């Protein structure tokens, strides 16, 4: 008779996500994972197959959590301009409370050039964020907040690039005021 799992999968997945986020994929050993996740090596293999599969699941978990948080920020906004500010404020604040940068951006930089699965997941996550930005730009145009001359898709691509840059800069000692100035200048470019 098989033993039942003595852990909750999402809890240990969050722990794996945390250590991959802090150390990156290559620098995280199976011993690091066993220690940080608090489960046996055999349980990791039985549940997640291998380190790479665990990493992909951690990326998915991270993307789901971030997307839910970003959607909550948008829903809490009364205007499209407020939604953009809330999203970028979340991204800046996230860097203070959690490991630096964005797990998806970090994974893309570290692995996407030679790992098709990481590349695909990164692009999927990036596309999701761009679609969110596009909906916000369209909302702002309908309400007269943003210039009607803007192409919503192209503007969303630009905003996503800014968000990646903000998260990459957050890995350095760049101060929060500078990150906020970059956000403000970027949003002001779109105002009607």
N, C-alpha and C. Protein backbone atom coordinates (compact mmCIF):
# COMPACT_ATOMS: atom_id res chain seq x y z
N UNK A 1 0.84 -1.19 0.00
CA UNK A 1 0.00 0.00 0.00
C UNK A 1 0.88 1.25 0.00
N UNK A 2 0.58 2.18 -0.88
CA UNK A 2 1.36 3.41 -1.00
C UNK A 2 1.10 4.32 0.19
N UNK A 3 2.19 4.97 0.63
CA UNK A 3 2.05 5.94 1.71
C UNK A 3 1.42 7.22 1.18
N UNK A 4 0.61 7.84 2.02
CA UNK A 4 0.04 9.12 1.61
C UNK A 4 1.08 10.21 1.79
N UNK A 5 0.95 11.26 1.00
CA UNK A 5 1.88 12.37 1.11
C UNK A 5 1.72 13.04 2.47
N UNK A 6 2.85 13.38 3.06
CA UNK A 6 2.84 14.04 4.36
C UNK A 6 3.09 15.53 4.22
N UNK A 7 2.79 16.06 3.05
CA UNK A 7 2.97 17.49 2.81
C UNK A 7 1.94 17.95 1.81
N UNK A 8 1.71 19.25 1.82
CA UNK A 8 0.77 19.85 0.87
C UNK A 8 1.60 20.32 -0.32
N UNK A 9 1.25 19.88 -1.51
CA UNK A 9 2.05 20.13 -2.70
C UNK A 9 2.31 21.62 -2.92
N UNK A 10 1.28 22.46 -2.83
CA UNK A 10 1.49 23.89 -3.08
C UNK A 10 2.40 24.54 -2.05
N UNK A 11 2.38 24.06 -0.82
CA UNK A 11 3.28 24.61 0.20
C UNK A 11 4.74 24.32 -0.14
N UNK A 12 5.04 23.08 -0.52
CA UNK A 12 6.43 22.75 -0.86
C UNK A 12 6.81 23.37 -2.20
N UNK A 13 5.85 23.52 -3.09
CA UNK A 13 6.11 24.18 -4.37
C UNK A 13 6.47 25.65 -4.13
N UNK A 14 5.78 26.30 -3.19
CA UNK A 14 6.12 27.68 -2.83
C UNK A 14 7.55 27.76 -2.29
N UNK A 15 7.94 26.78 -1.53
CA UNK A 15 9.31 26.77 -0.98
C UNK A 15 10.33 26.56 -2.10
N UNK A 16 10.01 25.69 -3.05
CA UNK A 16 10.91 25.50 -4.19
C UNK A 16 10.99 26.78 -5.01
N UNK A 17 9.85 27.41 -5.24
CA UNK A 17 9.80 28.65 -5.98
C UNK A 17 10.71 29.69 -5.31
N UNK A 18 10.64 29.77 -4.00
CA UNK A 18 11.44 30.73 -3.24
C UNK A 18 12.93 30.51 -3.44
N UNK A 19 13.38 29.28 -3.32
CA UNK A 19 14.83 29.05 -3.43
C UNK A 19 15.32 29.21 -4.87
N UNK A 20 14.51 28.78 -5.84
CA UNK A 20 14.89 29.01 -7.24
C UNK A 20 14.95 30.51 -7.53
N UNK A 21 14.03 31.25 -6.96
CA UNK A 21 13.97 32.70 -7.15
C UNK A 21 15.21 33.36 -6.56
N UNK A 22 15.63 32.91 -5.39
CA UNK A 22 16.80 33.50 -4.73
C UNK A 22 18.11 33.10 -5.41
N UNK A 23 18.22 31.83 -5.79
CA UNK A 23 19.51 31.31 -6.25
C UNK A 23 19.60 31.08 -7.75
N UNK A 24 18.48 31.00 -8.44
CA UNK A 24 18.49 30.62 -9.84
C UNK A 24 18.46 29.11 -9.97
N UNK A 25 18.22 28.65 -11.17
CA UNK A 25 18.09 27.21 -11.41
C UNK A 25 19.42 26.49 -11.25
N UNK A 26 20.43 26.96 -11.94
CA UNK A 26 21.72 26.26 -11.96
C UNK A 26 22.37 26.18 -10.59
N UNK A 27 22.26 27.22 -9.79
CA UNK A 27 22.92 27.24 -8.48
C UNK A 27 22.15 26.49 -7.40
N UNK A 28 20.94 26.07 -7.70
CA UNK A 28 20.13 25.35 -6.72
C UNK A 28 20.34 23.85 -6.90
N UNK A 29 20.91 23.24 -5.89
CA UNK A 29 21.16 21.79 -5.96
C UNK A 29 19.97 21.02 -5.40
N UNK A 30 19.95 19.73 -5.64
CA UNK A 30 18.91 18.89 -5.05
C UNK A 30 19.00 18.92 -3.53
N UNK A 31 20.21 18.99 -3.00
CA UNK A 31 20.37 19.09 -1.54
C UNK A 31 19.76 20.38 -1.01
N UNK A 32 19.94 21.49 -1.75
CA UNK A 32 19.32 22.76 -1.36
C UNK A 32 17.80 22.61 -1.34
N UNK A 33 17.25 21.96 -2.36
CA UNK A 33 15.81 21.78 -2.46
C UNK A 33 15.28 20.93 -1.31
N UNK A 34 15.96 19.83 -1.03
CA UNK A 34 15.54 18.95 0.08
C UNK A 34 15.50 19.74 1.38
N UNK A 35 16.57 20.47 1.64
CA UNK A 35 16.65 21.24 2.89
C UNK A 35 15.60 22.34 2.94
N UNK A 36 15.48 23.10 1.87
CA UNK A 36 14.57 24.25 1.86
C UNK A 36 13.10 23.84 1.83
N UNK A 37 12.80 22.77 1.10
CA UNK A 37 11.41 22.32 0.98
C UNK A 37 10.97 21.50 2.19
N UNK A 38 11.95 20.94 2.91
CA UNK A 38 11.62 20.16 4.10
C UNK A 38 10.99 18.81 3.81
N UNK A 39 11.28 18.26 2.64
CA UNK A 39 10.79 16.92 2.31
C UNK A 39 11.95 16.08 1.80
N UNK A 40 11.75 14.80 1.75
CA UNK A 40 12.81 13.88 1.32
C UNK A 40 13.03 13.97 -0.19
N UNK A 41 14.25 13.69 -0.58
CA UNK A 41 14.62 13.67 -1.99
C UNK A 41 13.68 12.76 -2.79
N UNK A 42 13.37 11.60 -2.23
CA UNK A 42 12.49 10.63 -2.90
C UNK A 42 11.10 11.25 -3.13
N UNK A 43 10.63 12.03 -2.17
CA UNK A 43 9.32 12.67 -2.30
C UNK A 43 9.33 13.71 -3.42
N UNK A 44 10.46 14.39 -3.57
CA UNK A 44 10.59 15.37 -4.66
C UNK A 44 10.48 14.64 -6.00
N UNK A 45 11.22 13.54 -6.14
CA UNK A 45 11.18 12.79 -7.39
C UNK A 45 9.81 12.16 -7.63
N UNK A 46 9.20 11.63 -6.57
CA UNK A 46 7.88 10.99 -6.72
C UNK A 46 6.81 12.01 -7.11
N UNK A 47 6.90 13.21 -6.60
CA UNK A 47 5.87 14.22 -6.83
C UNK A 47 6.14 15.06 -8.07
N UNK A 48 7.39 15.41 -8.30
CA UNK A 48 7.71 16.36 -9.37
C UNK A 48 8.58 15.77 -10.49
N UNK A 49 8.96 14.54 -10.40
CA UNK A 49 9.80 13.82 -11.37
C UNK A 49 11.28 14.16 -11.27
N UNK A 50 11.65 15.41 -11.49
CA UNK A 50 13.05 15.80 -11.44
C UNK A 50 13.16 17.30 -11.16
N UNK A 51 14.37 17.77 -11.02
CA UNK A 51 14.61 19.19 -10.71
C UNK A 51 14.02 20.10 -11.79
N UNK A 52 14.20 19.74 -13.03
CA UNK A 52 13.72 20.58 -14.13
C UNK A 52 12.20 20.69 -14.11
N UNK A 53 11.52 19.57 -13.93
CA UNK A 53 10.06 19.58 -13.86
C UNK A 53 9.57 20.38 -12.66
N UNK A 54 10.27 20.27 -11.55
CA UNK A 54 9.95 21.05 -10.35
C UNK A 54 10.10 22.54 -10.65
N UNK A 55 11.17 22.89 -11.35
CA UNK A 55 11.40 24.29 -11.70
C UNK A 55 10.28 24.83 -12.58
N UNK A 56 9.87 24.05 -13.57
CA UNK A 56 8.78 24.47 -14.45
C UNK A 56 7.48 24.67 -13.67
N UNK A 57 7.21 23.76 -12.74
CA UNK A 57 6.02 23.90 -11.89
C UNK A 57 6.13 25.15 -11.01
N UNK A 58 7.34 25.43 -10.52
CA UNK A 58 7.56 26.63 -9.70
C UNK A 58 7.32 27.89 -10.54
N UNK A 59 7.76 27.87 -11.80
CA UNK A 59 7.51 29.00 -12.70
C UNK A 59 6.00 29.20 -12.90
N UNK A 60 5.29 28.10 -13.12
CA UNK A 60 3.83 28.18 -13.31
C UNK A 60 3.15 28.74 -12.06
N UNK A 61 3.58 28.26 -10.91
CA UNK A 61 2.99 28.71 -9.65
C UNK A 61 3.24 30.22 -9.46
N UNK A 62 4.46 30.64 -9.74
CA UNK A 62 4.80 32.06 -9.63
C UNK A 62 3.94 32.90 -10.58
N UNK A 63 3.85 32.48 -11.83
CA UNK A 63 3.07 33.22 -12.82
C UNK A 63 1.61 33.33 -12.40
N UNK A 64 1.05 32.24 -11.89
CA UNK A 64 -0.35 32.27 -11.43
C UNK A 64 -0.54 33.26 -10.28
N UNK A 65 0.38 33.24 -9.33
CA UNK A 65 0.28 34.14 -8.17
C UNK A 65 0.42 35.61 -8.60
N UNK A 66 1.40 35.88 -9.44
CA UNK A 66 1.62 37.26 -9.87
C UNK A 66 0.44 37.75 -10.71
N UNK A 67 -0.04 36.92 -11.63
CA UNK A 67 -1.18 37.32 -12.45
C UNK A 67 -2.40 37.62 -11.59
N UNK A 68 -2.63 36.82 -10.57
CA UNK A 68 -3.77 37.06 -9.67
C UNK A 68 -3.59 38.38 -8.93
N UNK A 69 -2.38 38.67 -8.49
CA UNK A 69 -2.10 39.92 -7.78
C UNK A 69 -2.27 41.12 -8.70
N UNK A 70 -1.76 41.01 -9.92
CA UNK A 70 -1.89 42.12 -10.87
C UNK A 70 -3.35 42.37 -11.23
N UNK A 71 -4.11 41.31 -11.43
CA UNK A 71 -5.53 41.44 -11.73
C UNK A 71 -6.26 42.12 -10.57
N UNK A 72 -5.89 41.78 -9.35
CA UNK A 72 -6.50 42.42 -8.18
C UNK A 72 -6.19 43.92 -8.16
N UNK A 73 -4.99 44.28 -8.53
CA UNK A 73 -4.61 45.70 -8.59
C UNK A 73 -5.45 46.43 -9.63
N UNK A 74 -5.65 45.81 -10.78
CA UNK A 74 -6.46 46.42 -11.84
C UNK A 74 -7.91 46.58 -11.38
N UNK A 75 -8.46 45.52 -10.79
CA UNK A 75 -9.86 45.56 -10.34
C UNK A 75 -10.09 46.60 -9.25
N UNK A 76 -9.06 46.88 -8.46
CA UNK A 76 -9.19 47.86 -7.38
C UNK A 76 -9.05 49.29 -7.87
N UNK A 77 -8.75 49.46 -9.16
CA UNK A 77 -8.51 50.79 -9.72
C UNK A 77 -9.78 51.40 -10.29
N UNK A 78 -9.89 52.71 -10.11
CA UNK A 78 -11.04 53.44 -10.64
C UNK A 78 -10.78 53.98 -12.05
N UNK A 79 -9.51 54.13 -12.39
CA UNK A 79 -9.14 54.64 -13.71
C UNK A 79 -8.00 53.79 -14.28
N UNK A 80 -7.80 53.92 -15.58
CA UNK A 80 -6.71 53.18 -16.23
C UNK A 80 -5.35 53.70 -15.76
N UNK A 81 -5.24 55.00 -15.58
CA UNK A 81 -3.98 55.57 -15.08
C UNK A 81 -3.68 55.01 -13.69
N UNK A 82 -4.70 54.97 -12.84
CA UNK A 82 -4.51 54.39 -11.51
C UNK A 82 -4.09 52.92 -11.61
N UNK A 83 -4.68 52.19 -12.53
CA UNK A 83 -4.34 50.77 -12.70
C UNK A 83 -2.86 50.61 -13.04
N UNK A 84 -2.35 51.44 -13.95
CA UNK A 84 -0.93 51.35 -14.29
C UNK A 84 -0.06 51.67 -13.09
N UNK A 85 -0.41 52.73 -12.37
CA UNK A 85 0.38 53.08 -11.18
C UNK A 85 0.34 51.95 -10.15
N UNK A 86 -0.82 51.38 -9.94
CA UNK A 86 -0.94 50.29 -8.96
C UNK A 86 -0.11 49.07 -9.38
N UNK A 87 -0.13 48.74 -10.65
CA UNK A 87 0.65 47.60 -11.14
C UNK A 87 2.14 47.85 -10.92
N UNK A 88 2.61 49.01 -11.33
CA UNK A 88 4.04 49.29 -11.17
C UNK A 88 4.42 49.43 -9.70
N UNK A 89 3.55 50.01 -8.89
CA UNK A 89 3.83 50.09 -7.45
C UNK A 89 3.93 48.69 -6.85
N UNK A 90 3.06 47.79 -7.30
CA UNK A 90 3.13 46.40 -6.85
C UNK A 90 4.48 45.79 -7.23
N UNK A 91 4.90 46.00 -8.46
CA UNK A 91 6.17 45.44 -8.92
C UNK A 91 7.35 45.98 -8.13
N UNK A 92 7.32 47.26 -7.83
CA UNK A 92 8.40 47.87 -7.05
C UNK A 92 8.36 47.37 -5.61
N UNK A 93 7.17 47.34 -5.03
CA UNK A 93 7.03 46.88 -3.64
C UNK A 93 7.37 45.40 -3.51
N UNK A 94 7.04 44.62 -4.54
CA UNK A 94 7.32 43.19 -4.52
C UNK A 94 8.81 42.94 -4.35
N UNK A 95 9.63 43.82 -4.93
CA UNK A 95 11.07 43.64 -4.85
C UNK A 95 11.60 43.89 -3.45
N UNK A 96 10.84 44.62 -2.63
CA UNK A 96 11.28 44.88 -1.26
C UNK A 96 10.90 43.72 -0.33
N UNK A 97 9.79 43.06 -0.62
CA UNK A 97 9.27 42.04 0.28
C UNK A 97 9.72 40.62 -0.09
N UNK A 98 10.21 40.44 -1.30
CA UNK A 98 10.52 39.10 -1.78
C UNK A 98 11.91 39.10 -2.39
N UNK A 99 12.36 37.94 -2.87
CA UNK A 99 13.65 37.93 -3.57
C UNK A 99 13.62 38.94 -4.71
N UNK A 100 14.77 39.45 -5.07
CA UNK A 100 14.81 40.52 -6.05
C UNK A 100 14.46 40.05 -7.45
N UNK A 101 13.90 40.98 -8.19
CA UNK A 101 13.56 40.70 -9.56
C UNK A 101 12.30 39.87 -9.68
N UNK A 102 12.12 39.32 -10.84
CA UNK A 102 10.95 38.52 -11.17
C UNK A 102 11.45 37.12 -11.53
N UNK A 103 10.86 36.10 -10.96
CA UNK A 103 11.30 34.73 -11.23
C UNK A 103 11.26 34.43 -12.72
N UNK A 104 10.23 34.90 -13.42
CA UNK A 104 10.10 34.62 -14.85
C UNK A 104 11.22 35.33 -15.63
N UNK A 105 11.47 36.59 -15.33
CA UNK A 105 12.54 37.33 -15.99
C UNK A 105 13.89 36.68 -15.68
N UNK A 106 14.10 36.35 -14.40
CA UNK A 106 15.34 35.70 -14.01
C UNK A 106 15.54 34.39 -14.77
N UNK A 107 14.48 33.59 -14.88
CA UNK A 107 14.55 32.30 -15.58
C UNK A 107 14.83 32.52 -17.06
N UNK A 108 14.18 33.52 -17.65
CA UNK A 108 14.40 33.80 -19.07
C UNK A 108 15.85 34.18 -19.34
N UNK A 109 16.39 35.03 -18.48
CA UNK A 109 17.78 35.46 -18.66
C UNK A 109 18.74 34.29 -18.47
N UNK A 110 18.47 33.47 -17.47
CA UNK A 110 19.38 32.36 -17.15
C UNK A 110 19.26 31.20 -18.14
N UNK A 111 18.05 30.87 -18.58
CA UNK A 111 17.86 29.59 -19.26
C UNK A 111 17.21 29.62 -20.64
N UNK A 112 16.45 30.66 -20.96
CA UNK A 112 15.61 30.62 -22.17
C UNK A 112 16.40 30.39 -23.46
N UNK A 113 17.62 30.84 -23.51
CA UNK A 113 18.38 30.69 -24.76
C UNK A 113 18.73 29.24 -25.07
N UNK A 114 18.69 28.36 -24.06
CA UNK A 114 19.03 26.96 -24.30
C UNK A 114 18.03 25.97 -23.70
N UNK A 115 16.89 26.46 -23.25
CA UNK A 115 15.87 25.59 -22.67
C UNK A 115 14.51 26.00 -23.25
N UNK A 116 14.03 25.22 -24.20
CA UNK A 116 12.78 25.56 -24.90
C UNK A 116 11.59 25.64 -23.97
N UNK A 117 11.53 24.78 -22.97
CA UNK A 117 10.38 24.81 -22.06
C UNK A 117 10.37 26.08 -21.22
N UNK A 118 11.51 26.50 -20.74
CA UNK A 118 11.60 27.76 -19.99
C UNK A 118 11.30 28.93 -20.92
N UNK A 119 11.82 28.88 -22.14
CA UNK A 119 11.55 29.93 -23.11
C UNK A 119 10.04 30.04 -23.37
N UNK A 120 9.39 28.91 -23.61
CA UNK A 120 7.94 28.92 -23.88
C UNK A 120 7.15 29.45 -22.70
N UNK A 121 7.49 29.02 -21.48
CA UNK A 121 6.77 29.50 -20.30
C UNK A 121 7.01 30.99 -20.09
N UNK A 122 8.23 31.43 -20.32
CA UNK A 122 8.54 32.86 -20.17
C UNK A 122 7.72 33.69 -21.15
N UNK A 123 7.70 33.26 -22.41
CA UNK A 123 6.95 33.99 -23.43
C UNK A 123 5.45 33.98 -23.12
N UNK A 124 4.96 32.87 -22.63
CA UNK A 124 3.54 32.77 -22.24
C UNK A 124 3.21 33.78 -21.15
N UNK A 125 4.08 33.85 -20.16
CA UNK A 125 3.88 34.79 -19.05
C UNK A 125 3.99 36.23 -19.55
N UNK A 126 4.98 36.50 -20.39
CA UNK A 126 5.14 37.85 -20.94
C UNK A 126 3.91 38.25 -21.75
N UNK A 127 3.39 37.33 -22.56
CA UNK A 127 2.20 37.62 -23.36
C UNK A 127 1.00 37.93 -22.48
N UNK A 128 0.86 37.22 -21.39
CA UNK A 128 -0.24 37.46 -20.46
C UNK A 128 -0.18 38.87 -19.88
N UNK A 129 1.01 39.30 -19.50
CA UNK A 129 1.18 40.64 -18.95
C UNK A 129 0.92 41.69 -20.03
N UNK A 130 1.39 41.43 -21.24
CA UNK A 130 1.14 42.38 -22.33
C UNK A 130 -0.35 42.51 -22.63
N UNK A 131 -1.08 41.40 -22.59
CA UNK A 131 -2.53 41.46 -22.82
C UNK A 131 -3.22 42.28 -21.74
N UNK A 132 -2.77 42.15 -20.50
CA UNK A 132 -3.33 42.94 -19.41
C UNK A 132 -3.07 44.43 -19.67
N UNK A 133 -1.83 44.77 -20.04
CA UNK A 133 -1.50 46.16 -20.34
C UNK A 133 -2.34 46.67 -21.52
N UNK A 134 -2.54 45.85 -22.52
CA UNK A 134 -3.33 46.26 -23.68
C UNK A 134 -4.77 46.59 -23.28
N UNK A 135 -5.36 45.76 -22.42
CA UNK A 135 -6.73 46.03 -21.96
C UNK A 135 -6.79 47.35 -21.18
N UNK A 136 -5.75 47.63 -20.40
CA UNK A 136 -5.72 48.88 -19.63
C UNK A 136 -5.60 50.08 -20.57
N UNK A 137 -4.76 49.98 -21.59
CA UNK A 137 -4.61 51.07 -22.56
C UNK A 137 -5.94 51.31 -23.28
N UNK A 138 -6.60 50.23 -23.70
CA UNK A 138 -7.89 50.38 -24.38
C UNK A 138 -8.93 51.02 -23.45
N UNK A 139 -8.94 50.63 -22.19
CA UNK A 139 -9.83 51.22 -21.18
C UNK A 139 -9.54 52.72 -21.08
N UNK A 140 -8.26 53.07 -20.95
CA UNK A 140 -7.88 54.47 -20.84
C UNK A 140 -8.24 55.28 -22.06
N UNK A 141 -8.14 54.68 -23.23
CA UNK A 141 -8.54 55.38 -24.45
C UNK A 141 -10.04 55.61 -24.49
N UNK A 142 -10.81 54.61 -24.09
CA UNK A 142 -12.27 54.76 -24.07
C UNK A 142 -12.70 55.85 -23.11
N UNK A 143 -11.97 56.01 -22.01
CA UNK A 143 -12.32 57.02 -21.00
C UNK A 143 -11.66 58.37 -21.27
N UNK A 144 -10.85 58.46 -22.33
CA UNK A 144 -10.20 59.72 -22.67
C UNK A 144 -8.96 60.02 -21.84
N UNK A 145 -8.46 59.05 -21.12
CA UNK A 145 -7.24 59.26 -20.31
C UNK A 145 -5.98 59.19 -21.17
N UNK A 146 -5.97 58.25 -22.11
CA UNK A 146 -4.80 58.04 -22.95
C UNK A 146 -5.07 58.50 -24.37
N UNK A 147 -4.04 58.92 -25.03
CA UNK A 147 -4.15 59.39 -26.40
C UNK A 147 -4.73 58.31 -27.31
N UNK A 148 -5.63 58.73 -28.17
CA UNK A 148 -6.23 57.80 -29.13
C UNK A 148 -5.24 57.46 -30.24
N UNK A 149 -4.15 58.17 -30.31
CA UNK A 149 -3.11 57.90 -31.32
C UNK A 149 -2.27 56.66 -30.97
N UNK A 150 -2.36 56.22 -29.73
CA UNK A 150 -1.57 55.07 -29.31
C UNK A 150 -2.12 53.78 -29.91
N UNK A 151 -1.23 52.92 -30.33
CA UNK A 151 -1.62 51.57 -30.71
C UNK A 151 -1.59 50.75 -29.42
N UNK A 152 -2.74 50.25 -28.96
CA UNK A 152 -2.77 49.55 -27.67
C UNK A 152 -1.81 48.37 -27.56
N UNK A 153 -1.68 47.60 -28.63
CA UNK A 153 -0.78 46.43 -28.59
C UNK A 153 0.68 46.87 -28.47
N UNK A 154 1.07 47.83 -29.29
CA UNK A 154 2.46 48.31 -29.25
C UNK A 154 2.76 49.00 -27.92
N UNK A 155 1.81 49.74 -27.40
CA UNK A 155 1.99 50.41 -26.11
C UNK A 155 2.12 49.38 -24.99
N UNK A 156 1.34 48.31 -25.09
CA UNK A 156 1.42 47.24 -24.10
C UNK A 156 2.79 46.57 -24.14
N UNK A 157 3.33 46.38 -25.34
CA UNK A 157 4.67 45.79 -25.46
C UNK A 157 5.71 46.69 -24.80
N UNK A 158 5.56 48.00 -25.02
CA UNK A 158 6.46 48.97 -24.41
C UNK A 158 6.35 48.92 -22.87
N UNK A 159 5.12 48.91 -22.37
CA UNK A 159 4.92 48.87 -20.92
C UNK A 159 5.48 47.59 -20.31
N UNK A 160 5.32 46.49 -21.03
CA UNK A 160 5.90 45.25 -20.52
C UNK A 160 7.42 45.36 -20.46
N UNK A 161 8.02 45.95 -21.47
CA UNK A 161 9.46 46.15 -21.46
C UNK A 161 9.88 46.99 -20.26
N UNK A 162 9.11 48.03 -19.96
CA UNK A 162 9.40 48.87 -18.79
C UNK A 162 9.29 48.02 -17.51
N UNK A 163 8.27 47.17 -17.44
CA UNK A 163 8.09 46.34 -16.23
C UNK A 163 9.25 45.36 -16.06
N UNK A 164 9.75 44.80 -17.17
CA UNK A 164 10.90 43.91 -17.09
C UNK A 164 12.13 44.70 -16.62
N UNK A 165 12.29 45.89 -17.18
CA UNK A 165 13.42 46.74 -16.77
C UNK A 165 13.35 47.12 -15.30
N UNK A 166 12.14 47.44 -14.83
CA UNK A 166 11.96 47.79 -13.41
C UNK A 166 12.39 46.62 -12.53
N UNK A 167 11.95 45.43 -12.90
CA UNK A 167 12.28 44.24 -12.09
C UNK A 167 13.75 43.88 -12.19
N UNK A 168 14.35 44.10 -13.35
CA UNK A 168 15.78 43.84 -13.48
C UNK A 168 16.58 44.86 -12.67
N UNK A 169 16.19 46.12 -12.75
CA UNK A 169 16.88 47.16 -11.98
C UNK A 169 16.73 46.92 -10.48
N UNK A 170 15.62 46.32 -10.08
CA UNK A 170 15.39 46.06 -8.67
C UNK A 170 16.40 45.06 -8.11
N UNK A 171 17.04 44.31 -8.98
CA UNK A 171 18.07 43.36 -8.54
C UNK A 171 19.35 44.09 -8.12
N UNK A 172 19.44 45.36 -8.49
CA UNK A 172 20.60 46.17 -8.11
C UNK A 172 20.23 47.02 -6.90
N UNK A 173 21.11 47.92 -6.54
CA UNK A 173 20.83 48.79 -5.40
C UNK A 173 20.12 50.08 -5.82
N UNK A 174 19.53 50.10 -7.01
CA UNK A 174 18.78 51.27 -7.47
C UNK A 174 17.71 51.63 -6.44
N UNK A 175 17.60 52.90 -6.11
CA UNK A 175 16.62 53.29 -5.10
C UNK A 175 15.20 53.34 -5.68
N UNK A 176 14.25 53.21 -4.78
CA UNK A 176 12.83 53.15 -5.14
C UNK A 176 12.37 54.44 -5.83
N UNK A 177 12.91 55.58 -5.42
CA UNK A 177 12.51 56.86 -6.02
C UNK A 177 12.83 56.89 -7.51
N UNK A 178 13.99 56.36 -7.89
CA UNK A 178 14.36 56.33 -9.30
C UNK A 178 13.40 55.44 -10.08
N UNK A 179 13.07 54.28 -9.53
CA UNK A 179 12.12 53.38 -10.20
C UNK A 179 10.77 54.07 -10.37
N UNK A 180 10.32 54.80 -9.35
CA UNK A 180 9.05 55.53 -9.45
C UNK A 180 9.11 56.63 -10.50
N UNK A 181 10.26 57.31 -10.62
CA UNK A 181 10.40 58.35 -11.64
C UNK A 181 10.28 57.73 -13.04
N UNK A 182 10.90 56.59 -13.24
CA UNK A 182 10.83 55.91 -14.54
C UNK A 182 9.38 55.56 -14.86
N UNK A 183 8.66 55.06 -13.89
CA UNK A 183 7.24 54.71 -14.08
C UNK A 183 6.44 55.96 -14.43
N UNK A 184 6.62 57.03 -13.68
CA UNK A 184 5.86 58.26 -13.92
C UNK A 184 6.11 58.84 -15.31
N UNK A 185 7.36 58.88 -15.73
CA UNK A 185 7.69 59.37 -17.06
C UNK A 185 7.03 58.50 -18.12
N UNK A 186 7.09 57.19 -17.93
CA UNK A 186 6.51 56.26 -18.91
C UNK A 186 5.00 56.46 -19.02
N UNK A 187 4.31 56.55 -17.92
CA UNK A 187 2.84 56.70 -17.96
C UNK A 187 2.48 58.06 -18.55
N UNK A 188 3.22 59.10 -18.20
CA UNK A 188 2.92 60.44 -18.71
C UNK A 188 3.03 60.54 -20.22
N UNK A 189 3.81 59.66 -20.84
CA UNK A 189 3.94 59.65 -22.29
C UNK A 189 2.62 59.33 -23.00
N UNK A 190 1.73 58.66 -22.28
CA UNK A 190 0.49 58.18 -22.91
C UNK A 190 -0.71 59.08 -22.66
N UNK A 191 -0.56 60.03 -21.77
CA UNK A 191 -1.72 60.85 -21.40
C UNK A 191 -2.17 61.71 -22.56
N UNK A 192 -3.49 61.88 -22.65
CA UNK A 192 -4.07 62.65 -23.74
C UNK A 192 -4.01 64.13 -23.42
